[in-house]
Amino acid sequence: MIAQPRANLAVDGQPVPYTLATSVYTALFNLTGSPAVALPLGRSQEGLPFGVQVASRRWGDMELLAVARALSELTGPFQPPMGY
């Protein structure tokens, strides 16, 4: 299930607007103009997915995308947890 931008996300059992719940990870980079990308990295022992956010210097978009591509080639595509 993919969250819709206008939907609420459950955070600790409470509904939080999607943009608020996700902007905490990007706000600093948005303010500085630095590119950042988040991608799935692996699974916990419980089988839940976890990810990593990688950032670059300002105007380092192409280098950042190359790093993101190399990481995704190592980890493979995102696989949702069972039941989702």
PDB file of N, CA and C in Angstrom:
ATOM      1  N   MET A   1       0.842  -1.185   0.000  1.00  0.00           N
ATOM      2  CA  MET A   1       0.000   0.000   0.000  1.00  0.00           C
ATOM      3  C   MET A   1       0.883   1.242   0.000  1.00  0.00           C
ATOM      4  N   ILE A   2       0.658   2.120  -0.923  1.00  0.00           N
ATOM      5  CA  ILE A   2       1.426   3.358  -1.014  1.00  0.00           C
ATOM      6  C   ILE A   2       0.577   4.486  -0.446  1.00  0.00           C
ATOM      7  N   ALA A   3       1.157   5.260   0.464  1.00  0.00           N
ATOM      8  CA  ALA A   3       0.436   6.375   1.071  1.00  0.00           C
ATOM      9  C   ALA A   3       0.221   7.475   0.045  1.00  0.00           C
ATOM     10  N   GLN A   4      -0.930   8.093   0.088  1.00  0.00           N
ATOM     11  CA  GLN A   4      -1.249   9.194  -0.799  1.00  0.00           C
ATOM     12  C   GLN A   4      -0.837  10.502  -0.120  1.00  0.00           C
ATOM     13  N   PRO A   5      -0.349  11.482  -0.883  1.00  0.00           N
ATOM     14  CA  PRO A   5       0.130  12.727  -0.285  1.00  0.00           C
ATOM     15  C   PRO A   5      -0.876  13.452   0.612  1.00  0.00           C
ATOM     16  N   ARG A   6      -2.166  13.277   0.384  1.00  0.00           N
ATOM     17  CA  ARG A   6      -3.158  13.958   1.224  1.00  0.00           C
ATOM     18  C   ARG A   6      -3.660  13.071   2.356  1.00  0.00           C
ATOM     19  N   ALA A   7      -3.157  11.870   2.461  1.00  0.00           N
ATOM     20  CA  ALA A   7      -3.613  10.931   3.485  1.00  0.00           C
ATOM     21  C   ALA A   7      -2.892  11.170   4.803  1.00  0.00           C
ATOM     22  N   ASN A   8      -3.436  10.600   5.861  1.00  0.00           N
ATOM     23  CA  ASN A   8      -2.764  10.605   7.155  1.00  0.00           C
ATOM     24  C   ASN A   8      -1.952   9.324   7.295  1.00  0.00           C
ATOM     25  N   LEU A   9      -0.856   9.413   8.010  1.00  0.00           N
ATOM     26  CA  LEU A   9      -0.057   8.241   8.350  1.00  0.00           C
ATOM     27  C   LEU A   9      -0.193   8.008   9.843  1.00  0.00           C
ATOM     28  N   ALA A  10      -0.213   6.753  10.241  1.00  0.00           N
ATOM     29  CA  ALA A  10      -0.261   6.441  11.666  1.00  0.00           C
ATOM     30  C   ALA A  10       1.150   6.518  12.222  1.00  0.00           C
ATOM     31  N   VAL A  11       1.367   7.389  13.190  1.00  0.00           N
ATOM     32  CA  VAL A  11       2.644   7.522  13.879  1.00  0.00           C
ATOM     33  C   VAL A  11       2.363   7.280  15.354  1.00  0.00           C
ATOM     34  N   ASP A  12       2.904   6.197  15.877  1.00  0.00           N
ATOM     35  CA  ASP A  12       2.630   5.803  17.261  1.00  0.00           C
ATOM     36  C   ASP A  12       1.134   5.729  17.531  1.00  0.00           C
ATOM     37  N   GLY A  13       0.403   5.233  16.551  1.00  0.00           N
ATOM     38  CA  GLY A  13      -1.030   5.044  16.703  1.00  0.00           C
ATOM     39  C   GLY A  13      -1.883   6.285  16.512  1.00  0.00           C
ATOM     40  N   GLN A  14      -1.270   7.407  16.189  1.00  0.00           N
ATOM     41  CA  GLN A  14      -1.996   8.662  16.009  1.00  0.00           C
ATOM     42  C   GLN A  14      -1.924   9.094  14.548  1.00  0.00           C
ATOM     43  N   PRO A  15      -3.036   9.611  13.984  1.00  0.00           N
ATOM     44  CA  PRO A  15      -2.988  10.079  12.598  1.00  0.00           C
ATOM     45  C   PRO A  15      -2.195  11.385  12.491  1.00  0.00           C
ATOM     46  N   VAL A  16      -1.278  11.408  11.546  1.00  0.00           N
ATOM     47  CA  VAL A  16      -0.446  12.592  11.300  1.00  0.00           C
ATOM     48  C   VAL A  16      -0.513  12.876   9.803  1.00  0.00           C
ATOM     49  N   PRO A  17      -0.720  14.134   9.397  1.00  0.00           N
ATOM     50  CA  PRO A  17      -0.751  14.448   7.969  1.00  0.00           C
ATOM     51  C   PRO A  17       0.523  13.963   7.276  1.00  0.00           C
ATOM     52  N   TYR A  18       0.351  13.395   6.091  1.00  0.00           N
ATOM     53  CA  TYR A  18       1.458  12.813   5.323  1.00  0.00           C
ATOM     54  C   TYR A  18       2.628  13.789   5.182  1.00  0.00           C
ATOM     55  N   THR A  19       2.344  15.028   4.793  1.00  0.00           N
ATOM     56  CA  THR A  19       3.435  15.986   4.565  1.00  0.00           C
ATOM     57  C   THR A  19       4.195  16.296   5.844  1.00  0.00           C
ATOM     58  N   LEU A  20       3.515  16.352   6.966  1.00  0.00           N
ATOM     59  CA  LEU A  20       4.187  16.598   8.241  1.00  0.00           C
ATOM     60  C   LEU A  20       5.015  15.385   8.668  1.00  0.00           C
ATOM     61  N   ALA A  21       4.453  14.202   8.500  1.00  0.00           N
ATOM     62  CA  ALA A  21       5.146  12.983   8.921  1.00  0.00           C
ATOM     63  C   ALA A  21       6.410  12.731   8.107  1.00  0.00           C
ATOM     64  N   THR A  22       6.417  13.136   6.854  1.00  0.00           N
ATOM     65  CA  THR A  22       7.572  12.858   6.002  1.00  0.00           C
ATOM     66  C   THR A  22       8.533  14.032   5.871  1.00  0.00           C
ATOM     67  N   SER A  23       8.095  15.252   6.149  1.00  0.00           N
ATOM     68  CA  SER A  23       8.977  16.412   5.952  1.00  0.00           C
ATOM     69  C   SER A  23      10.093  16.488   6.981  1.00  0.00           C
ATOM     70  N   VAL A  24       9.945  15.835   8.114  1.00  0.00           N
ATOM     71  CA  VAL A  24      10.985  15.872   9.137  1.00  0.00           C
ATOM     72  C   VAL A  24      12.311  15.311   8.590  1.00  0.00           C
ATOM     73  N   TYR A  25      12.225  14.417   7.635  1.00  0.00           N
ATOM     74  CA  TYR A  25      13.439  13.811   7.077  1.00  0.00           C
ATOM     75  C   TYR A  25      14.099  14.665   6.011  1.00  0.00           C
ATOM     76  N   THR A  26      13.344  15.566   5.421  1.00  0.00           N
ATOM     77  CA  THR A  26      13.885  16.336   4.307  1.00  0.00           C
ATOM     78  C   THR A  26      14.044  17.823   4.585  1.00  0.00           C
ATOM     79  N   ALA A  27      13.466  18.321   5.661  1.00  0.00           N
ATOM     80  CA  ALA A  27      13.426  19.770   5.907  1.00  0.00           C
ATOM     81  C   ALA A  27      14.804  20.416   5.900  1.00  0.00           C
ATOM     82  N   LEU A  28      15.761  19.846   6.589  1.00  0.00           N
ATOM     83  CA  LEU A  28      17.098  20.437   6.647  1.00  0.00           C
ATOM     84  C   LEU A  28      17.718  20.519   5.258  1.00  0.00           C
ATOM     85  N   PHE A  29      17.566  19.475   4.483  1.00  0.00           N
ATOM     86  CA  PHE A  29      18.151  19.470   3.139  1.00  0.00           C
ATOM     87  C   PHE A  29      17.414  20.441   2.226  1.00  0.00           C
ATOM     88  N   ASN A  30      16.092  20.546   2.370  1.00  0.00           N
ATOM     89  CA  ASN A  30      15.326  21.508   1.570  1.00  0.00           C
ATOM     90  C   ASN A  30      15.765  22.937   1.868  1.00  0.00           C
ATOM     91  N   LEU A  31      16.025  23.242   3.134  1.00  0.00           N
ATOM     92  CA  LEU A  31      16.435  24.586   3.515  1.00  0.00           C
ATOM     93  C   LEU A  31      17.813  24.955   2.987  1.00  0.00           C
ATOM     94  N   THR A  32      18.707  23.990   2.910  1.00  0.00           N
ATOM     95  CA  THR A  32      20.074  24.271   2.458  1.00  0.00           C
ATOM     96  C   THR A  32      20.253  24.083   0.961  1.00  0.00           C
ATOM     97  N   GLY A  33      19.243  23.539   0.288  1.00  0.00           N
ATOM     98  CA  GLY A  33      19.361  23.298  -1.146  1.00  0.00           C
ATOM     99  C   GLY A  33      20.192  22.082  -1.483  1.00  0.00           C
ATOM    100  N   SER A  34      20.446  21.245  -0.508  1.00  0.00           N
ATOM    101  CA  SER A  34      21.233  20.028  -0.731  1.00  0.00           C
ATOM    102  C   SER A  34      20.321  18.894  -1.181  1.00  0.00           C
ATOM    103  N   PRO A  35      20.715  18.148  -2.203  1.00  0.00           N
ATOM    104  CA  PRO A  35      19.886  17.027  -2.633  1.00  0.00           C
ATOM    105  C   PRO A  35      19.985  15.870  -1.642  1.00  0.00           C
ATOM    106  N   ALA A  36      18.881  15.162  -1.490  1.00  0.00           N
ATOM    107  CA  ALA A  36      18.836  13.998  -0.617  1.00  0.00           C
ATOM    108  C   ALA A  36      17.904  12.967  -1.232  1.00  0.00           C
ATOM    109  N   VAL A  37      18.191  11.706  -0.977  1.00  0.00           N
ATOM    110  CA  VAL A  37      17.343  10.628  -1.471  1.00  0.00           C
ATOM    111  C   VAL A  37      17.232   9.569  -0.378  1.00  0.00           C
ATOM    112  N   ALA A  38      16.052   9.004  -0.237  1.00  0.00           N
ATOM    113  CA  ALA A  38      15.830   7.917   0.721  1.00  0.00           C
ATOM    114  C   ALA A  38      15.492   6.659  -0.065  1.00  0.00           C
ATOM    115  N   LEU A  39      16.044   5.535   0.369  1.00  0.00           N
ATOM    116  CA  LEU A  39      15.773   4.289  -0.318  1.00  0.00           C
ATOM    117  C   LEU A  39      15.792   3.123   0.662  1.00  0.00           C
ATOM    118  N   PRO A  40      15.090   2.030   0.312  1.00  0.00           N
ATOM    119  CA  PRO A  40      15.079   0.871   1.192  1.00  0.00           C
ATOM    120  C   PRO A  40      16.471   0.254   1.267  1.00  0.00           C
ATOM    121  N   LEU A  41      16.807  -0.256   2.451  1.00  0.00           N
ATOM    122  CA  LEU A  41      18.144  -0.814   2.635  1.00  0.00           C
ATOM    123  C   LEU A  41      18.117  -2.279   3.041  1.00  0.00           C
ATOM    124  N   GLY A  42      17.158  -2.664   3.858  1.00  0.00           N
ATOM    125  CA  GLY A  42      17.110  -4.046   4.310  1.00  0.00           C
ATOM    126  C   GLY A  42      15.897  -4.300   5.168  1.00  0.00           C
ATOM    127  N   ARG A  43      15.978  -5.356   5.971  1.00  0.00           N
ATOM    128  CA  ARG A  43      14.885  -5.746   6.852  1.00  0.00           C
ATOM    129  C   ARG A  43      15.412  -6.009   8.246  1.00  0.00           C
ATOM    130  N   SER A  44      14.584  -5.690   9.230  1.00  0.00           N
ATOM    131  CA  SER A  44      14.924  -5.991  10.617  1.00  0.00           C
ATOM    132  C   SER A  44      14.735  -7.480  10.875  1.00  0.00           C
ATOM    133  N   GLN A  45      15.117  -7.939  12.043  1.00  0.00           N
ATOM    134  CA  GLN A  45      14.918  -9.347  12.399  1.00  0.00           C
ATOM    135  C   GLN A  45      13.441  -9.705  12.410  1.00  0.00           C
ATOM    136  N   GLU A  46      12.574  -8.703  12.628  1.00  0.00           N
ATOM    137  CA  GLU A  46      11.133  -8.933  12.631  1.00  0.00           C
ATOM    138  C   GLU A  46      10.544  -8.906  11.224  1.00  0.00           C
ATOM    139  N   GLY A  47      11.373  -8.646  10.227  1.00  0.00           N
ATOM    140  CA  GLY A  47      10.910  -8.613   8.846  1.00  0.00           C
ATOM    141  C   GLY A  47      10.415  -7.269   8.370  1.00  0.00           C
ATOM    142  N   LEU A  48      10.570  -6.228   9.191  1.00  0.00           N
ATOM    143  CA  LEU A  48      10.120  -4.897   8.787  1.00  0.00           C
ATOM    144  C   LEU A  48      11.202  -4.190   7.975  1.00  0.00           C
ATOM    145  N   PRO A  49      10.799  -3.469   6.934  1.00  0.00           N
ATOM    146  CA  PRO A  49      11.794  -2.781   6.105  1.00  0.00           C
ATOM    147  C   PRO A  49      12.369  -1.566   6.825  1.00  0.00           C
ATOM    148  N   PHE A  50      13.627  -1.278   6.546  1.00  0.00           N
ATOM    149  CA  PHE A  50      14.237  -0.031   7.012  1.00  0.00           C
ATOM    150  C   PHE A  50      15.021   0.553   5.854  1.00  0.00           C
ATOM    151  N   GLY A  51      15.268   1.828   5.940  1.00  0.00           N
ATOM    152  CA  GLY A  51      15.911   2.509   4.834  1.00  0.00           C
ATOM    153  C   GLY A  51      17.045   3.395   5.285  1.00  0.00           C
ATOM    154  N   VAL A  52      17.600   4.098   4.316  1.00  0.00           N
ATOM    155  CA  VAL A  52      18.690   5.015   4.567  1.00  0.00           C
ATOM    156  C   VAL A  52      18.431   6.271   3.733  1.00  0.00           C
ATOM    157  N   GLN A  53      18.816   7.399   4.274  1.00  0.00           N
ATOM    158  CA  GLN A  53      18.746   8.641   3.524  1.00  0.00           C
ATOM    159  C   GLN A  53      20.170   9.090   3.271  1.00  0.00           C
ATOM    160  N   VAL A  54      20.459   9.400   2.030  1.00  0.00           N
ATOM    161  CA  VAL A  54      21.794   9.827   1.633  1.00  0.00           C
ATOM    162  C   VAL A  54      21.680  11.250   1.097  1.00  0.00           C
ATOM    163  N   ALA A  55      22.582  12.100   1.515  1.00  0.00           N
ATOM    164  CA  ALA A  55      22.565  13.504   1.080  1.00  0.00           C
ATOM    165  C   ALA A  55      23.911  13.853   0.449  1.00  0.00           C
ATOM    166  N   SER A  56      23.881  14.891  -0.353  1.00  0.00           N
ATOM    167  CA  SER A  56      25.086  15.336  -1.050  1.00  0.00           C
ATOM    168  C   SER A  56      25.241  16.832  -0.858  1.00  0.00           C
ATOM    169  N   ARG A  57      26.356  17.325  -1.330  1.00  0.00           N
ATOM    170  CA  ARG A  57      26.576  18.772  -1.295  1.00  0.00           C
ATOM    171  C   ARG A  57      25.626  19.438  -2.285  1.00  0.00           C
ATOM    172  N   ARG A  58      25.423  20.702  -2.100  1.00  0.00           N
ATOM    173  CA  ARG A  58      24.552  21.452  -3.008  1.00  0.00           C
ATOM    174  C   ARG A  58      25.058  21.301  -4.442  1.00  0.00           C
ATOM    175  N   TRP A  59      24.150  21.080  -5.347  1.00  0.00           N
ATOM    176  CA  TRP A  59      24.400  20.862  -6.769  1.00  0.00           C
ATOM    177  C   TRP A  59      25.060  19.509  -7.042  1.00  0.00           C
ATOM    178  N   GLY A  60      25.120  18.621  -6.055  1.00  0.00           N
ATOM    179  CA  GLY A  60      25.713  17.298  -6.255  1.00  0.00           C
ATOM    180  C   GLY A  60      24.691  16.235  -6.613  1.00  0.00           C
ATOM    181  N   ASP A  61      23.646  16.637  -7.316  1.00  0.00           N
ATOM    182  CA  ASP A  61      22.544  15.732  -7.642  1.00  0.00           C
ATOM    183  C   ASP A  61      22.996  14.476  -8.397  1.00  0.00           C
ATOM    184  N   MET A  62      23.806  14.662  -9.411  1.00  0.00           N
ATOM    185  CA  MET A  62      24.188  13.511 -10.242  1.00  0.00           C
ATOM    186  C   MET A  62      25.052  12.524  -9.461  1.00  0.00           C
ATOM    187  N   GLU A  63      25.956  13.030  -8.642  1.00  0.00           N
ATOM    188  CA  GLU A  63      26.778  12.140  -7.811  1.00  0.00           C
ATOM    189  C   GLU A  63      25.899  11.395  -6.809  1.00  0.00           C
ATOM    190  N   LEU A  64      24.941  12.097  -6.233  1.00  0.00           N
ATOM    191  CA  LEU A  64      24.033  11.481  -5.277  1.00  0.00           C
ATOM    192  C   LEU A  64      23.211  10.381  -5.939  1.00  0.00           C
ATOM    193  N   LEU A  65      22.701  10.640  -7.124  1.00  0.00           N
ATOM    194  CA  LEU A  65      21.922   9.628  -7.824  1.00  0.00           C
ATOM    195  C   LEU A  65      22.776   8.412  -8.179  1.00  0.00           C
ATOM    196  N   ALA A  66      24.042   8.624  -8.478  1.00  0.00           N
ATOM    197  CA  ALA A  66      24.938   7.497  -8.762  1.00  0.00           C
ATOM    198  C   ALA A  66      25.129   6.640  -7.512  1.00  0.00           C
ATOM    199  N   VAL A  67      25.280   7.280  -6.351  1.00  0.00           N
ATOM    200  CA  VAL A  67      25.416   6.539  -5.093  1.00  0.00           C
ATOM    201  C   VAL A  67      24.127   5.779  -4.798  1.00  0.00           C
ATOM    202  N   ALA A  68      22.979   6.437  -4.972  1.00  0.00           N
ATOM    203  CA  ALA A  68      21.693   5.789  -4.728  1.00  0.00           C
ATOM    204  C   ALA A  68      21.506   4.584  -5.649  1.00  0.00           C
ATOM    205  N   ARG A  69      21.892   4.731  -6.887  1.00  0.00           N
ATOM    206  CA  ARG A  69      21.763   3.606  -7.826  1.00  0.00           C
ATOM    207  C   ARG A  69      22.660   2.449  -7.417  1.00  0.00           C
ATOM    208  N   ALA A  70      23.900   2.742  -7.018  1.00  0.00           N
ATOM    209  CA  ALA A  70      24.818   1.685  -6.584  1.00  0.00           C
ATOM    210  C   ALA A  70      24.275   0.966  -5.345  1.00  0.00           C
ATOM    211  N   LEU A  71      23.727   1.726  -4.397  1.00  0.00           N
ATOM    212  CA  LEU A  71      23.139   1.105  -3.207  1.00  0.00           C
ATOM    213  C   LEU A  71      21.955   0.229  -3.571  1.00  0.00           C
ATOM    214  N   SER A  72      21.086   0.714  -4.450  1.00  0.00           N
ATOM    215  CA  SER A  72      19.904  -0.064  -4.811  1.00  0.00           C
ATOM    216  C   SER A  72      20.275  -1.321  -5.600  1.00  0.00           C
ATOM    217  N   GLU A  73      21.355  -1.280  -6.334  1.00  0.00           N
ATOM    218  CA  GLU A  73      21.809  -2.487  -7.039  1.00  0.00           C
ATOM    219  C   GLU A  73      22.324  -3.537  -6.052  1.00  0.00           C
ATOM    220  N   LEU A  74      22.891  -3.080  -4.934  1.00  0.00           N
ATOM    221  CA  LEU A  74      23.359  -4.012  -3.898  1.00  0.00           C
ATOM    222  C   LEU A  74      22.205  -4.604  -3.092  1.00  0.00           C
ATOM    223  N   THR A  75      21.197  -3.790  -2.793  1.00  0.00           N
ATOM    224  CA  THR A  75      20.122  -4.226  -1.901  1.00  0.00           C
ATOM    225  C   THR A  75      18.923  -4.807  -2.630  1.00  0.00           C
ATOM    226  N   GLY A  76      18.780  -4.523  -3.901  1.00  0.00           N
ATOM    227  CA  GLY A  76      17.635  -5.009  -4.652  1.00  0.00           C
ATOM    228  C   GLY A  76      16.411  -4.128  -4.464  1.00  0.00           C
ATOM    229  N   PRO A  77      15.329  -4.451  -5.170  1.00  0.00           N
ATOM    230  CA  PRO A  77      14.127  -3.619  -5.090  1.00  0.00           C
ATOM    231  C   PRO A  77      13.410  -3.780  -3.758  1.00  0.00           C
ATOM    232  N   PHE A  78      12.591  -2.801  -3.432  1.00  0.00           N
ATOM    233  CA  PHE A  78      11.804  -2.824  -2.200  1.00  0.00           C
ATOM    234  C   PHE A  78      10.812  -3.978  -2.248  1.00  0.00           C
ATOM    235  N   GLN A  79      10.741  -4.711  -1.170  1.00  0.00           N
ATOM    236  CA  GLN A  79       9.761  -5.777  -1.008  1.00  0.00           C
ATOM    237  C   GLN A  79       8.906  -5.436   0.221  1.00  0.00           C
ATOM    238  N   PRO A  80       7.609  -5.217   0.066  1.00  0.00           N
ATOM    239  CA  PRO A  80       6.801  -4.886   1.220  1.00  0.00           C
ATOM    240  C   PRO A  80       6.752  -6.045   2.204  1.00  0.00           C
ATOM    241  N   PRO A  81       6.549  -5.751   3.499  1.00  0.00           N
ATOM    242  CA  PRO A  81       6.433  -6.819   4.490  1.00  0.00           C
ATOM    243  C   PRO A  81       5.218  -7.697   4.179  1.00  0.00           C
ATOM    244  N   MET A  82       5.255  -8.927   4.635  1.00  0.00           N
ATOM    245  CA  MET A  82       4.124  -9.826   4.418  1.00  0.00           C
ATOM    246  C   MET A  82       2.861  -9.227   5.035  1.00  0.00           C
ATOM    247  N   GLY A  83       1.775  -9.327   4.331  1.00  0.00           N
ATOM    248  CA  GLY A  83       0.508  -8.809   4.820  1.00  0.00           C
ATOM    249  C   GLY A  83       0.197  -7.399   4.380  1.00  0.00           C
ATOM    250  N   TYR A  84       1.108  -6.748   3.658  1.00  0.00           N
ATOM    251  CA  TYR A  84       0.866  -5.389   3.182  1.00  0.00           C
ATOM    252  C   TYR A  84       0.721  -5.370   1.697  1.00  0.00           C
TER     253      TYR A  84
END
